[in-house]
Protein backbone atom coordinates (compact mmCIF):
# COMPACT_ATOMS: atom_id res chain seq x y z
CA PRO A 1 -166.22 90.60 -18.71
CA ASP A 2 -164.17 87.85 -19.71
CA ASP A 3 -163.02 88.48 -22.42
CA PRO A 4 -159.18 88.37 -23.29
CA VAL A 5 -156.86 91.24 -23.60
CA LEU A 6 -153.35 91.88 -24.07
CA GLU A 7 -150.94 93.85 -21.64
CA VAL A 8 -147.65 95.07 -22.54
CA GLU A 9 -145.64 97.09 -20.15
CA GLN A 10 -142.69 99.03 -21.79
CA VAL A 11 -139.62 100.84 -20.80
CA ALA A 12 -137.17 102.47 -22.82
CA PHE A 13 -133.96 103.84 -22.22
CA LEU A 14 -131.65 106.01 -23.43
CA ASN A 15 -127.91 105.22 -24.87
CA THR A 16 -126.77 105.91 -21.15
CA GLY A 17 -129.10 102.55 -19.62
CA GLU A 18 -131.37 105.71 -18.09
CA PRO A 19 -134.89 104.32 -18.53
CA PHE A 20 -137.19 107.77 -20.50
CA GLU A 21 -140.24 106.26 -20.86
CA TYR A 22 -142.92 104.09 -19.20
CA SER A 23 -146.04 103.10 -20.76
CA PHE A 24 -148.52 100.23 -19.78
CA ALA A 25 -151.13 99.43 -22.23
CA ARG A 26 -154.31 97.23 -22.77
CA HIS A 27 -155.51 95.77 -26.29
CA ARG A 28 -158.81 94.37 -26.66
CA TYR A 29 -158.48 90.76 -28.86
CA ASP A 30 -160.78 91.71 -31.68
CA LYS A 31 -159.21 94.93 -32.14
CA PHE A 32 -155.24 94.17 -32.31
CA VAL A 33 -152.84 92.78 -34.63
CA PHE A 34 -150.07 91.93 -32.91
CA SER A 35 -146.77 91.06 -35.12
CA SER A 36 -143.07 90.87 -34.09
CA VAL A 37 -139.48 91.17 -35.40
CA HIS A 38 -136.72 89.35 -34.05
CA VAL A 39 -133.13 91.23 -34.70
CA ARG A 40 -129.66 88.72 -33.97
CA LYS A 41 -126.75 90.58 -32.80
């Protein structure tokens, strides 16, 4: 009902810049582990 949910919207692109994949996902707070990797260019 009022439980928190993580919503993730993502677009993946080819090397040409053309979008080729779209996804939207919802993850329950009690069934999901979030980790992140940051890369500096």
